[in-house]
Protein backbone atom coordinates (compact mmCIF):
# COMPACT_ATOMS: atom_id res chain seq x y z
CA MET A 1 0.14 0.05 0.13
CA SER A 2 1.38 3.39 -0.84
CA ALA A 3 2.00 5.98 1.94
CA GLU A 4 -0.79 8.10 0.46
CA ALA A 5 -3.44 5.27 0.37
CA LEU A 6 -2.15 4.24 3.56
CA LEU A 7 -2.96 8.00 5.32
CA GLY A 8 -6.20 8.36 3.00
CA ARG A 9 -7.55 4.84 4.68
CA LEU A 10 -6.42 5.90 8.18
CA ASP A 11 -8.18 9.00 7.71
CA GLU A 12 -11.18 7.32 6.79
CA VAL A 13 -11.04 4.97 9.87
CA VAL A 14 -10.51 7.88 12.25
CA ARG A 15 -13.57 9.76 10.81
CA GLU A 16 -15.80 6.58 11.11
CA LEU A 17 -14.69 6.22 14.80
CA GLU A 18 -15.20 9.96 15.49
CA THR A 19 -18.72 9.98 14.69
CA GLY A 20 -19.40 7.32 17.55
CA GLU A 21 -22.23 5.87 15.24
CA LEU A 22 -20.48 2.38 14.94
CA PRO A 23 -21.65 -0.42 16.77
CA LEU A 24 -19.06 -1.57 19.50
CA GLU A 25 -17.87 -4.66 17.20
CA GLN A 26 -17.34 -2.44 14.29
CA ALA A 27 -15.73 0.34 16.33
CA LEU A 28 -13.31 -2.14 17.55
CA ALA A 29 -12.71 -3.72 14.24
CA ARG A 30 -11.77 -0.33 12.96
CA PHE A 31 -9.47 0.60 15.88
CA GLU A 32 -7.59 -2.53 15.04
CA GLU A 33 -7.55 -1.79 11.59
CA GLY A 34 -6.31 1.66 12.75
CA VAL A 35 -3.62 0.39 14.86
CA LYS A 36 -2.47 -1.87 11.78
CA LEU A 37 -2.44 0.93 9.38
CA VAL A 38 -0.28 3.02 12.00
CA ARG A 39 2.16 0.43 12.26
CA ASP A 40 2.35 -0.47 8.58
CA GLY A 41 3.00 3.79 8.49
CA GLU A 42 5.76 3.38 10.83
CA LEU A 43 7.38 0.46 9.16
CA LEU A 44 7.23 2.45 5.54
CA LEU A 45 8.79 5.54 7.03
CA ALA A 46 11.48 3.52 8.68
CA SER A 47 12.29 2.11 5.26
CA VAL A 48 12.02 5.44 3.73
CA GLU A 49 14.42 6.84 6.13
CA GLN A 50 17.03 3.97 5.87
CA ARG A 51 16.96 4.28 2.31
CA ILE A 52 17.67 8.40 2.51
CA GLU A 53 20.45 7.51 4.84
CA ILE A 54 22.27 5.07 2.37
CA LEU A 55 21.98 7.65 -0.35
CA LEU A 56 23.34 10.36 1.77
CA ALA A 57 26.20 8.04 3.13
CA ASP A 58 27.34 7.52 -0.27
CA ASP A 59 30.21 10.03 -0.98
CA ARG A 60 28.93 10.53 -4.66
CA VAL A 61 25.79 11.92 -3.24
CA ALA A 62 25.50 15.17 -1.78
CA PRO A 63 22.44 17.72 -1.35
CA PHE A 64 22.17 20.31 -4.17
CA ALA A 65 23.97 23.87 -3.06
CA ASP A 66 21.53 26.66 -3.11
CA GLU A 67 21.03 28.36 -6.43
CA GLN A 68 22.00 31.71 -4.89
CA ASP A 69 25.61 30.08 -4.56
CA TYR A 70 25.74 29.95 -8.04
CA ALA A 71 24.62 33.71 -8.64
CA GLU A 72 28.01 34.73 -6.48
CA ASP A 73 30.54 33.15 -9.29
CA ASP A 74 28.63 32.02 -12.23
CA HIS A 75 29.76 28.33 -11.68
CA ASP A 76 27.19 25.56 -11.62
CA PRO A 77 29.14 22.24 -10.67
CA ARG A 78 26.16 20.40 -11.94
CA ASP A 79 27.21 21.64 -15.56
CA GLU A 80 30.58 19.65 -15.25
CA ALA A 81 30.87 16.23 -16.81
CA ASP A 82 31.45 13.38 -14.58
CA ASP A 83 35.24 11.87 -14.88
């Protein structure tokens, strides 16, 4: 499930629970679903965080410099060819 779909479904579950109109068994089922969605979201975020850390740990990958820095010396290192 994508992050967007996960958050969308979690939002639906929360809204259903907040109405207070669900019978107890349905409310409990929605609550269980919500807990599972939160846990799945935490795992997804941890996975994304790990991927970002791996990318940033690679010496060849660095954040882009501010465009303002380029204006000062008219030199954009992104224009240089890889050796």
